[in-house]
Amino acid sequence: MTSAVTRHWRPRSLLQLVLLAFLVVMLPLAVLMIQAGQALSELSRLADVSARQAVEETRRARSLGALALEMERGARQYAVVEQEGLLDIFDERLAEFRQLLAQQRLLLPDDPDVAALEEALGDLAGLPDLPLEAFRARLSDFLSFAQHTEAMRRATNRRIDQRIDAISARAEDVQVRLWWQTAALVSASLVLMLLVTRLIVHPIRQLERRILGIGSVGGDAGRNARPLKGPAELITLDERLDWLASRLDELEAQKQQFLRHMSHELKTPLASVREGSSLLSDGVAGEVTPRQREILDLIDASGRELQQLIEQLLDYNLLKHGRKLHIERLDVATVVKEVLAKHRLALDHKEMRVSCFDGPLTWAIDRTATARVIDNLISNAVAYGEDGGVLDIRARPLKDHLMIEVANSGEPIAEEDRERLFDAFYQGRVRRKGPLKGSGIGLSVAADCARLQEGRLELVDDPRLAVCFRLTLPFSTPLPESNDERPTPAAVGEDARKDIS
């Protein structure tokens, strides 16, 4: 079995399988976390770079505006005071403006205002060489120069806004992508979880079926199961179940052999005892005195009870091993009265008044199983009923089932005994009347015979009598063997009610 399992790689233990399941289920989630971290890192880096560039470009645009203002102020001051130092300051500010404008052109390569400023710088660079009057006439050029500088600043702000919008759009794309990745990877984790759960649950269910098969009648279902595939602990448990099944088969065979031998060993001397007591009662060995006949009657009654106990034990063993049904249409009243006749002497001895329904009441039943139920219920009434009491047997056919009730007077069954009343070998608080102690399997055999016919046996409340058992049998369809028709419930019910006392 182990070689068949190891053809494909599988975890060698349940612990390995659980750890592998954890890793497999966490793998998609780990991938999701890594991708989410990378996306957030990229967005963070992009935002940081863009923020730095925006600050730098904004500062440069402001510096250009300030330099343009200083250049104009210096030129106008020179035109008034005619101080040569002011021209040196003008040249320095012009050089700074030219340098910053070259950097700004990288940001706005196609901007017309930048081109206009570059051209204006060339014109302004020649101002210091002009005569004072020409210098003063060119001061009006600073107006257009300032306008182009302001236009360049606004263009810089628009470019920064576009970059921020692009970052926002990228962030939304990353968010949508993360949502899709989350849905896909979480779904993959759920699928992997289901697959791994099946790897764990499937062998456990196989073991459950094996156990149910071993516990079923015959145990064949557990023996014919496919080899278990799973962790080593479960395979070992499956092998232990194989050993347990074989061991139970051996014990079952020993039990059946013991019951067969016991029944033979008990019935042989019991037959001799009953035959001897019968010969003595017939006066073969001489005339019997009333006192001796009383003792012989006691021996004969005890022998009958012992024989009944042996038959109950054999019936219990037979029912536990799946006796087959033989359904046929019979008069239920005839079957019940045949069983009742076997207990006539015991009923007369207890002076019990018997009331039984009359037929015909045709129903599809198994004669042997139904007779065993009635026999055990009457025996139970004889054993536990009161002397001089009442035994009432009644039947009531309905649309799709038949109810047979066996009720007797006496001590009611205690509430604590009702739940286990039909358990094998269970004996309640009420003591059996007579010299022999019961086996505790009579009602269990009766309940099994009822279940064998897909019916049920139950203890019900009766308004008149202390103990009442109800046997419910469905209307089974037997093999075609006669032209008998199923009786109508109304017609049979009238006959049954008419003969119940």
Protein backbone atom coordinates (compact mmCIF):
# COMPACT_ATOMS: atom_id res chain seq x y z
CA MET A 1 0.00 0.00 0.00
CA THR A 2 2.85 2.37 0.82
CA SER A 3 4.54 1.77 -2.52
CA ALA A 4 1.34 2.68 -4.34
CA VAL A 5 1.17 5.95 -2.44
CA THR A 6 4.78 6.98 -3.13
CA ARG A 7 4.49 6.78 -6.90
CA HIS A 8 3.64 10.49 -6.80
CA TRP A 9 5.34 12.79 -4.34
CA ARG A 10 3.29 13.52 -1.27
CA PRO A 11 4.12 14.94 2.16
CA ARG A 12 5.37 12.20 4.42
CA SER A 13 3.56 13.45 7.50
CA LEU A 14 0.51 15.44 8.44
CA LEU A 15 2.75 18.18 9.87
CA GLN A 16 4.55 18.53 6.52
CA LEU A 17 1.21 18.71 4.73
CA VAL A 18 -0.05 21.45 7.04
CA LEU A 19 3.18 23.46 6.68
CA LEU A 20 3.12 23.00 2.92
CA ALA A 21 -0.51 24.12 2.85
CA PHE A 22 0.39 27.24 4.83
CA LEU A 23 3.26 28.09 2.47
CA VAL A 24 1.21 27.44 -0.67
CA VAL A 25 -1.69 29.56 0.54
CA MET A 26 0.62 32.38 1.70
CA LEU A 27 2.63 32.44 -1.56
CA PRO A 28 0.08 34.46 -3.62
CA LEU A 29 -0.41 36.82 -0.69
CA ALA A 30 3.35 37.30 -0.42
CA VAL A 31 3.52 38.06 -4.14
CA LEU A 32 0.72 40.59 -3.69
CA MET A 33 2.53 42.26 -0.80
CA ILE A 34 5.79 42.46 -2.81
CA GLN A 35 4.06 43.96 -5.85
CA ALA A 36 2.14 46.42 -3.70
CA GLY A 37 5.38 47.45 -1.98
CA GLN A 38 7.11 47.95 -5.32
CA ALA A 39 4.23 50.01 -6.69
CA LEU A 40 4.10 52.19 -3.58
CA SER A 41 7.88 52.62 -3.65
CA GLU A 42 7.75 53.68 -7.29
CA LEU A 43 4.98 56.18 -6.62
CA SER A 44 6.82 57.52 -3.62
CA ARG A 45 10.03 57.96 -5.60
CA LEU A 46 8.20 59.61 -8.48
CA ALA A 47 6.38 61.98 -6.14
CA ASP A 48 9.59 62.86 -4.36
CA VAL A 49 11.46 63.60 -7.61
CA SER A 50 8.55 65.59 -8.99
CA ALA A 51 8.24 67.60 -5.79
CA ARG A 52 11.95 68.46 -5.80
CA GLN A 53 11.83 69.43 -9.47
CA ALA A 54 8.70 71.52 -8.93
CA VAL A 55 10.31 73.41 -6.04
CA GLU A 56 13.50 73.95 -8.01
CA GLU A 57 11.71 75.13 -11.14
CA THR A 58 9.41 77.39 -9.17
CA ARG A 59 12.38 78.96 -7.39
CA ARG A 60 14.18 79.45 -10.74
CA ALA A 61 11.14 81.14 -12.27
CA ARG A 62 10.87 83.45 -9.26
CA SER A 63 14.61 84.17 -9.43
CA LEU A 64 14.30 85.08 -13.09
CA GLY A 65 11.49 87.49 -12.27
CA ALA A 66 13.54 89.07 -9.48
CA LEU A 67 16.62 89.39 -11.70
CA ALA A 68 14.54 91.01 -14.46
CA LEU A 69 13.27 93.54 -11.90
CA GLU A 70 16.79 94.28 -10.60
CA MET A 71 18.12 94.67 -14.13
CA GLU A 72 15.40 97.24 -14.93
CA ARG A 73 15.93 99.07 -11.64
CA GLY A 74 19.68 99.24 -12.17
CA ALA A 75 19.30 100.53 -15.73
CA ARG A 76 16.84 103.24 -14.70
CA GLN A 77 19.08 104.31 -11.78
CA TYR A 78 22.05 104.61 -14.15
CA ALA A 79 19.96 106.74 -16.50
CA VAL A 80 19.32 109.14 -13.62
CA VAL A 81 22.58 109.22 -11.64
CA GLU A 82 25.01 108.13 -14.40
CA GLN A 83 27.12 106.07 -12.01
CA GLU A 84 29.39 103.50 -13.73
CA GLY A 85 29.12 100.97 -10.90
CA LEU A 86 25.45 100.50 -11.68
CA LEU A 87 26.35 99.21 -15.15
CA ASP A 88 28.66 96.60 -13.58
CA ILE A 89 25.74 95.41 -11.42
CA PHE A 90 23.53 95.38 -14.54
CA ASP A 91 26.06 93.16 -16.35
CA GLU A 92 26.23 90.74 -13.36
CA ARG A 93 22.44 90.42 -13.18
CA LEU A 94 22.31 89.93 -16.94
CA ALA A 95 24.84 87.10 -16.77
CA GLU A 96 22.89 85.42 -13.91
CA PHE A 97 19.65 85.79 -15.87
CA ARG A 98 21.25 84.25 -18.95
CA GLN A 99 22.51 81.26 -16.92
CA LEU A 100 19.14 80.60 -15.23
CA LEU A 101 17.31 81.05 -18.53
CA ALA A 102 19.50 78.35 -20.10
CA GLN A 103 18.42 75.95 -17.34
CA GLN A 104 14.81 76.94 -17.73
CA ARG A 105 14.97 76.27 -21.46
CA LEU A 106 15.55 72.55 -20.62
CA LEU A 107 12.12 72.59 -18.93
CA LEU A 108 10.43 74.64 -21.69
CA PRO A 109 12.35 73.85 -24.90
CA ASP A 110 9.60 74.99 -27.27
CA ASP A 111 8.21 77.91 -25.30
CA PRO A 112 8.09 81.15 -27.37
CA ASP A 113 8.55 83.34 -24.31
CA VAL A 114 11.88 81.69 -23.55
CA ALA A 115 13.02 82.32 -27.12
CA ALA A 116 11.86 85.94 -26.89
CA LEU A 117 13.79 86.38 -23.63
CA GLU A 118 16.95 84.98 -25.17
CA GLU A 119 16.64 87.42 -28.06
CA ALA A 120 15.91 90.29 -25.66
CA LEU A 121 19.00 89.39 -23.61
CA GLY A 122 21.14 89.90 -26.70
CA ASP A 123 19.68 93.35 -27.17
CA LEU A 124 20.01 94.27 -23.50
CA ALA A 125 23.63 93.15 -23.43
CA GLY A 126 24.51 96.09 -25.74
CA LEU A 127 22.90 98.79 -23.55
CA PRO A 128 26.04 99.69 -21.54
CA ASP A 129 27.90 100.61 -24.79
CA LEU A 130 25.22 103.08 -25.97
CA PRO A 131 25.35 106.85 -25.41
CA LEU A 132 23.33 108.12 -22.47
CA GLU A 133 20.48 109.44 -24.60
CA ALA A 134 20.20 106.21 -26.61
CA PHE A 135 20.43 104.29 -23.32
CA ARG A 136 17.50 106.24 -21.92
CA ALA A 137 15.51 105.66 -25.14
CA ARG A 138 15.97 101.88 -24.81
CA LEU A 139 14.58 101.68 -21.27
CA SER A 140 11.14 100.96 -22.73
CA ASP A 141 12.46 97.49 -23.80
CA PHE A 142 12.29 96.37 -20.17
CA LEU A 143 8.48 96.45 -20.33
CA SER A 144 8.24 93.66 -22.91
CA PHE A 145 11.12 91.85 -21.15
CA ALA A 146 9.14 91.76 -17.89
CA GLN A 147 6.01 90.57 -19.72
CA HIS A 148 7.90 87.65 -21.30
CA THR A 149 9.42 86.80 -17.92
CA GLU A 150 5.96 86.68 -16.30
CA ALA A 151 4.62 84.59 -19.18
CA MET A 152 7.52 82.15 -18.73
CA ARG A 153 6.72 81.88 -15.00
CA ARG A 154 3.10 81.02 -15.77
CA ALA A 155 4.21 78.45 -18.37
CA THR A 156 6.47 76.89 -15.70
CA ASN A 157 3.53 76.62 -13.29
CA ARG A 158 1.39 74.97 -15.98
CA ARG A 159 4.14 72.47 -16.68
CA ILE A 160 4.36 71.63 -12.98
CA ASP A 161 0.57 71.20 -12.84
CA GLN A 162 0.71 68.83 -15.82
CA ARG A 163 3.38 66.78 -14.10
CA ILE A 164 1.27 66.58 -10.92
CA ASP A 165 -1.74 65.47 -12.97
CA ALA A 166 0.39 62.79 -14.62
CA ILE A 167 1.50 61.52 -11.21
CA SER A 168 -2.14 61.41 -10.03
CA ALA A 169 -3.16 59.45 -13.14
CA ARG A 170 -0.26 57.06 -12.57
CA ALA A 171 -1.34 56.59 -8.96
CA GLU A 172 -4.89 55.75 -10.09
CA ASP A 173 -3.53 53.24 -12.63
CA VAL A 174 -1.41 51.62 -9.93
CA GLN A 175 -4.42 51.49 -7.59
CA VAL A 176 -6.59 49.78 -10.24
CA ARG A 177 -3.80 47.35 -11.04
CA LEU A 178 -3.37 46.52 -7.34
CA TRP A 179 -7.10 45.89 -7.00
CA TRP A 180 -7.04 43.45 -9.92
CA GLN A 181 -3.92 41.77 -8.60
CA THR A 182 -5.50 41.52 -5.15
CA ALA A 183 -8.65 39.91 -6.56
CA ALA A 184 -6.64 37.48 -8.71
CA LEU A 185 -4.13 36.48 -6.04
CA VAL A 186 -6.73 36.19 -3.25
CA SER A 187 -8.82 34.00 -5.57
CA ALA A 188 -5.73 31.91 -6.26
CA SER A 189 -5.16 31.61 -2.50
CA LEU A 190 -8.74 30.43 -2.00
CA VAL A 191 -8.40 27.86 -4.78
CA LEU A 192 -5.13 26.61 -3.32
CA MET A 193 -6.76 26.52 0.11
CA LEU A 194 -9.58 24.35 -1.25
CA LEU A 195 -7.13 22.03 -2.99
CA VAL A 196 -4.98 21.64 0.12
CA THR A 197 -8.09 21.17 2.25
CA ARG A 198 -9.13 18.36 -0.07
CA LEU A 199 -5.71 16.74 0.36
CA ILE A 200 -6.32 16.72 4.10
CA VAL A 201 -10.05 15.99 4.19
CA HIS A 202 -10.19 13.33 1.44
CA PRO A 203 -8.07 10.70 3.27
CA ILE A 204 -9.94 11.45 6.50
CA ARG A 205 -13.24 10.79 4.72
CA GLN A 206 -11.77 7.58 3.33
CA LEU A 207 -10.93 6.55 6.87
CA GLU A 208 -14.45 7.45 7.95
CA ARG A 209 -15.88 5.24 5.20
CA ARG A 210 -13.54 2.46 6.23
CA ILE A 211 -14.70 2.71 9.84
CA LEU A 212 -18.37 2.76 8.79
CA GLY A 213 -17.71 -0.21 6.52
CA ILE A 214 -16.06 -2.14 9.32
CA GLY A 215 -18.98 -1.34 11.62
CA SER A 216 -21.63 -2.29 9.06
CA VAL A 217 -23.17 -5.73 8.74
CA GLY A 218 -20.53 -8.04 7.35
CA GLY A 219 -17.85 -5.35 7.16
CA ASP A 220 -17.31 -5.86 3.42
CA ALA A 221 -17.48 -2.14 2.58
CA GLY A 222 -14.37 -1.38 4.60
CA ARG A 223 -12.48 -4.35 3.17
CA ASN A 224 -13.04 -3.46 -0.49
CA ALA A 225 -12.04 0.21 -0.17
CA ARG A 226 -9.33 1.68 -2.40
CA PRO A 227 -5.84 2.12 -0.94
CA LEU A 228 -5.52 5.29 1.09
CA LYS A 229 -3.40 8.12 -0.31
CA GLY A 230 -2.28 10.74 2.15
CA PRO A 231 0.14 11.56 4.97
CA ALA A 232 2.05 8.76 6.68
CA GLU A 233 0.06 9.06 9.93
CA LEU A 234 -3.22 8.47 8.10
CA ILE A 235 -1.73 5.59 6.07
CA THR A 236 -0.57 4.00 9.33
CA LEU A 237 -4.04 4.47 10.79
CA ASP A 238 -5.52 2.83 7.68
CA GLU A 239 -3.23 -0.16 8.16
CA ARG A 240 -4.33 -0.37 11.80
CA LEU A 241 -7.93 -0.39 10.59
CA ASP A 242 -7.09 -3.31 8.29
CA TRP A 243 -5.68 -5.16 11.27
CA LEU A 244 -8.73 -4.24 13.35
CA ALA A 245 -11.10 -5.46 10.61
CA SER A 246 -9.33 -8.81 10.34
CA ARG A 247 -9.28 -9.12 14.11
CA LEU A 248 -13.01 -8.36 14.32
CA ASP A 249 -13.66 -10.99 11.64
CA GLU A 250 -11.78 -13.54 13.70
CA LEU A 251 -13.69 -12.60 16.85
CA GLU A 252 -17.00 -12.69 14.96
CA ALA A 253 -16.23 -16.14 13.62
CA GLN A 254 -15.29 -17.30 17.12
CA LYS A 255 -18.53 -15.84 18.50
CA GLN A 256 -20.67 -17.58 15.91
CA GLN A 257 -18.86 -20.84 16.49
CA PHE A 258 -19.36 -20.44 20.24
CA LEU A 259 -23.08 -19.76 19.82
CA ARG A 260 -23.52 -22.76 17.54
CA HIS A 261 -21.69 -25.06 19.94
CA MET A 262 -23.43 -23.60 22.98
CA SER A 263 -26.88 -24.02 21.44
CA HIS A 264 -26.09 -27.63 20.56
CA GLU A 265 -24.53 -28.39 23.95
CA LEU A 266 -27.45 -26.79 25.81
CA LYS A 267 -30.27 -28.12 23.69
CA THR A 268 -29.15 -31.77 23.89
CA PRO A 269 -29.26 -32.11 27.72
CA LEU A 270 -32.27 -29.81 27.89
CA ALA A 271 -34.18 -32.10 25.54
CA SER A 272 -33.28 -35.05 27.76
CA VAL A 273 -34.45 -33.20 30.88
CA ARG A 274 -37.76 -32.22 29.27
CA GLU A 275 -38.30 -35.72 27.88
CA GLY A 276 -37.56 -37.27 31.28
CA SER A 277 -39.92 -34.92 33.08
CA SER A 278 -42.59 -35.68 30.46
CA LEU A 279 -42.17 -39.44 30.99
CA LEU A 280 -42.43 -39.01 34.74
CA SER A 281 -45.55 -36.88 34.31
CA ASP A 282 -47.10 -39.63 32.15
CA GLY A 283 -46.56 -42.15 34.97
CA VAL A 284 -44.04 -44.35 33.12
CA ALA A 285 -42.02 -44.78 36.33
CA GLY A 286 -45.07 -45.14 38.51
CA GLU A 287 -47.92 -43.11 39.82
CA VAL A 288 -47.04 -39.47 40.56
CA THR A 289 -48.25 -37.78 43.70
CA PRO A 290 -49.70 -34.25 43.55
CA ARG A 291 -46.57 -32.86 45.22
CA GLN A 292 -44.32 -34.65 42.71
CA ARG A 293 -46.47 -33.45 39.78
CA GLU A 294 -46.09 -29.89 41.02
CA ILE A 295 -42.30 -30.30 40.98
CA LEU A 296 -42.42 -31.86 37.50
CA ASP A 297 -44.53 -28.96 36.21
CA LEU A 298 -41.97 -26.57 37.63
CA ILE A 299 -39.15 -28.48 35.88
CA ASP A 300 -41.06 -28.49 32.62
CA ALA A 301 -41.86 -24.74 32.82
CA SER A 302 -38.24 -23.92 33.63
CA GLY A 303 -37.11 -26.07 30.70
CA ARG A 304 -39.43 -24.22 28.34
CA GLU A 305 -38.15 -20.86 29.58
CA LEU A 306 -34.55 -21.98 29.17
CA GLN A 307 -35.28 -23.17 25.65
CA GLN A 308 -36.89 -19.83 24.87
CA LEU A 309 -33.81 -17.98 26.14
CA ILE A 310 -31.58 -20.09 23.91
CA GLU A 311 -33.81 -19.42 20.90
CA GLN A 312 -33.81 -15.68 21.63
CA LEU A 313 -30.03 -15.67 21.74
CA LEU A 314 -29.83 -17.49 18.42
CA ASP A 315 -32.44 -15.15 16.91
CA TYR A 316 -30.41 -12.15 18.05
CA ASN A 317 -27.25 -13.51 16.43
CA LEU A 318 -29.15 -14.30 13.20
CA LEU A 319 -30.65 -10.82 12.97
CA LYS A 320 -27.30 -9.16 13.54
CA HIS A 321 -25.96 -10.94 10.47
CA GLY A 322 -28.58 -9.78 8.01
CA ARG A 323 -31.39 -12.27 7.71
CA LYS A 324 -33.25 -11.93 4.39
CA LEU A 325 -36.98 -11.23 4.25
CA HIS A 326 -39.64 -13.45 2.73
CA ILE A 327 -42.63 -11.16 2.22
CA GLU A 328 -46.00 -12.82 1.54
CA ARG A 329 -49.69 -12.02 1.92
CA LEU A 330 -50.94 -13.56 5.16
CA ASP A 331 -53.80 -13.28 7.58
CA VAL A 332 -52.17 -11.42 10.47
CA ALA A 333 -54.84 -12.65 12.91
CA THR A 334 -53.93 -16.27 12.14
CA VAL A 335 -50.21 -15.60 12.72
CA VAL A 336 -50.90 -13.85 16.03
CA LYS A 337 -53.19 -16.62 17.26
CA GLU A 338 -50.65 -19.30 16.36
CA VAL A 339 -48.10 -17.50 18.51
CA LEU A 340 -50.66 -16.96 21.25
CA ALA A 341 -51.39 -20.69 21.34
CA LYS A 342 -47.76 -21.41 22.30
CA HIS A 343 -48.21 -19.30 25.44
CA ARG A 344 -51.64 -20.63 26.39
CA LEU A 345 -50.39 -22.72 29.34
CA ALA A 346 -48.31 -19.86 30.76
CA LEU A 347 -51.23 -17.46 30.39
CA ASP A 348 -53.58 -19.92 32.06
CA HIS A 349 -51.07 -20.39 34.87
CA LYS A 350 -51.01 -16.62 35.47
CA GLU A 351 -54.80 -16.50 35.06
CA MET A 352 -54.51 -13.64 32.57
CA ARG A 353 -57.57 -12.63 30.55
CA VAL A 354 -56.66 -12.50 26.87
CA SER A 355 -58.41 -10.39 24.24
CA CYS A 356 -57.27 -10.75 20.63
CA PHE A 357 -58.62 -9.35 17.37
CA ASP A 358 -60.15 -11.65 14.73
CA GLY A 359 -59.49 -11.79 11.03
CA PRO A 360 -59.34 -11.91 8.24
CA LEU A 361 -56.73 -9.14 8.15
CA THR A 362 -54.57 -9.71 5.09
CA TRP A 363 -51.23 -7.89 4.95
CA ALA A 364 -47.87 -8.33 3.23
CA ILE A 365 -45.47 -9.41 6.02
CA ASP A 366 -42.59 -11.72 6.81
CA ARG A 367 -44.17 -14.53 8.83
CA THR A 368 -41.08 -15.45 10.86
CA ALA A 369 -40.07 -11.88 11.74
CA THR A 370 -43.61 -10.81 12.65
CA ALA A 371 -44.16 -13.94 14.72
CA ARG A 372 -40.93 -13.27 16.62
CA VAL A 373 -42.08 -9.75 17.48
CA ILE A 374 -45.46 -10.96 18.76
CA ASP A 375 -43.84 -13.90 20.57
CA ASN A 376 -41.38 -11.67 22.45
CA LEU A 377 -44.08 -9.15 23.36
CA ILE A 378 -46.38 -11.88 24.73
CA SER A 379 -43.44 -13.43 26.61
CA ASN A 380 -42.68 -10.01 28.05
CA ALA A 381 -46.31 -9.63 29.19
CA VAL A 382 -46.24 -13.09 30.80
CA ALA A 383 -42.95 -12.38 32.56
CA TYR A 384 -43.75 -8.87 33.85
CA GLY A 385 -47.56 -8.68 33.85
CA GLU A 386 -49.63 -9.03 36.98
CA ASP A 387 -51.23 -12.31 37.96
CA GLY A 388 -54.90 -12.34 37.03
CA GLY A 389 -54.32 -9.31 34.80
CA VAL A 390 -55.27 -8.47 31.21
CA LEU A 391 -53.48 -9.09 27.90
CA ASP A 392 -54.98 -7.15 24.99
CA ILE A 393 -53.83 -7.69 21.38
CA ARG A 394 -55.40 -5.39 18.81
CA ALA A 395 -54.74 -4.37 15.21
CA ARG A 396 -55.64 -1.34 13.16
CA PRO A 397 -54.92 -1.15 9.42
CA LEU A 398 -54.50 2.33 7.95
CA LYS A 399 -53.88 3.59 4.42
CA ASP A 400 -50.22 2.62 4.07
CA HIS A 401 -49.29 0.84 7.30
CA LEU A 402 -50.59 -1.63 9.88
CA MET A 403 -50.49 -1.07 13.64
CA ILE A 404 -50.50 -4.02 16.03
CA GLU A 405 -50.63 -3.24 19.75
CA VAL A 406 -49.84 -5.65 22.60
CA ALA A 407 -50.88 -4.20 25.96
CA ASN A 408 -51.01 -5.71 29.43
CA SER A 409 -51.83 -4.65 32.96
CA GLY A 410 -49.23 -4.59 35.70
CA GLU A 411 -46.44 -2.31 36.82
CA PRO A 412 -45.66 0.48 34.31
CA ILE A 413 -42.17 0.81 32.85
CA ALA A 414 -40.09 3.46 34.61
CA GLU A 415 -39.18 6.63 32.70
CA GLU A 416 -35.45 6.04 33.14
CA ASP A 417 -35.79 2.62 31.45
CA ARG A 418 -37.67 3.82 28.36
CA GLU A 419 -34.67 5.19 26.46
CA ARG A 420 -32.72 1.91 26.70
CA LEU A 421 -35.68 -0.43 26.58
CA PHE A 422 -34.73 -1.90 23.19
CA ASP A 423 -30.96 -2.12 23.85
CA ALA A 424 -29.53 -5.61 23.78
CA PHE A 425 -28.88 -7.21 27.20
CA TYR A 426 -30.37 -4.26 29.06
CA GLN A 427 -32.62 -5.14 31.98
CA GLY A 428 -34.75 -2.50 33.64
CA ARG A 429 -35.66 -1.87 37.23
CA VAL A 430 -38.76 -4.09 37.18
CA ARG A 431 -37.81 -7.64 38.14
CA ARG A 432 -38.90 -10.59 36.03
CA LYS A 433 -41.45 -12.89 37.68
CA GLY A 434 -40.54 -16.59 37.76
CA PRO A 435 -37.60 -18.83 38.68
CA LEU A 436 -35.38 -17.78 35.74
CA LYS A 437 -33.79 -14.43 35.05
CA GLY A 438 -34.29 -12.98 31.58
CA SER A 439 -31.48 -12.43 29.05
CA GLY A 440 -32.41 -8.84 28.23
CA ILE A 441 -32.46 -9.42 24.46
CA GLY A 442 -36.16 -10.24 23.87
CA LEU A 443 -37.23 -6.65 23.12
CA SER A 444 -34.00 -6.05 21.19
CA VAL A 445 -34.78 -9.02 18.93
CA ALA A 446 -38.35 -7.76 18.51
CA ALA A 447 -37.17 -4.26 17.54
CA ASP A 448 -34.66 -5.72 15.05
CA CYS A 449 -37.40 -7.86 13.48
CA ALA A 450 -39.54 -4.73 13.07
CA ARG A 451 -36.69 -2.76 11.49
CA LEU A 452 -35.96 -5.72 9.21
CA GLN A 453 -39.42 -5.16 7.68
CA GLU A 454 -38.85 -1.35 7.54
CA GLY A 455 -41.24 -0.93 10.42
CA ARG A 456 -40.76 0.11 14.04
CA LEU A 457 -41.54 -1.08 17.54
CA GLU A 458 -42.21 1.49 20.22
CA LEU A 459 -43.58 1.86 23.71
CA VAL A 460 -46.73 4.01 23.74
CA ASP A 461 -49.17 5.21 26.39
CA ASP A 462 -52.46 3.39 26.81
CA PRO A 463 -55.39 4.92 28.72
CA ARG A 464 -56.47 1.56 30.20
CA LEU A 465 -53.39 -0.65 30.58
CA ALA A 466 -50.00 0.06 32.16
CA VAL A 467 -47.77 -1.24 29.34
CA CYS A 468 -48.47 -1.04 25.61
CA PHE A 469 -46.11 -1.86 22.73
CA ARG A 470 -47.02 -0.81 19.19
CA LEU A 471 -45.68 -2.58 16.11
CA THR A 472 -46.01 -0.52 12.90
CA LEU A 473 -45.50 -2.33 9.58
CA PRO A 474 -45.57 -0.72 6.12
CA PHE A 475 -47.52 -2.27 3.24
CA SER A 476 -44.68 -4.05 1.44
CA THR A 477 -45.35 -5.48 -2.02
CA PRO A 478 -44.49 -9.23 -2.15
CA LEU A 479 -43.74 -11.30 -5.21
CA PRO A 480 -46.91 -12.16 -7.22
CA GLU A 481 -48.21 -15.41 -5.86
CA SER A 482 -51.98 -15.08 -5.61
CA ASN A 483 -54.93 -13.00 -6.69
CA ASP A 484 -55.55 -11.69 -3.21
CA GLU A 485 -56.36 -8.02 -3.12
CA ARG A 486 -55.28 -5.63 -0.45
CA PRO A 487 -58.12 -5.09 2.03
CA THR A 488 -59.61 -1.67 2.38
CA PRO A 489 -58.85 -0.03 5.72
CA ALA A 490 -62.52 0.57 6.47
CA ALA A 491 -63.62 -3.05 6.02
CA VAL A 492 -60.75 -4.53 8.05
CA GLY A 493 -61.07 -1.90 10.70
CA GLU A 494 -64.69 -2.85 11.32
CA ASP A 495 -63.78 -6.52 11.81
CA ALA A 496 -60.87 -5.65 14.06
CA ARG A 497 -62.85 -3.27 16.26
CA LYS A 498 -65.74 -5.69 16.51
CA ASP A 499 -63.65 -8.47 18.11
CA ILE A 500 -61.59 -6.43 20.56
CA SER A 501 -62.96 -6.76 24.06
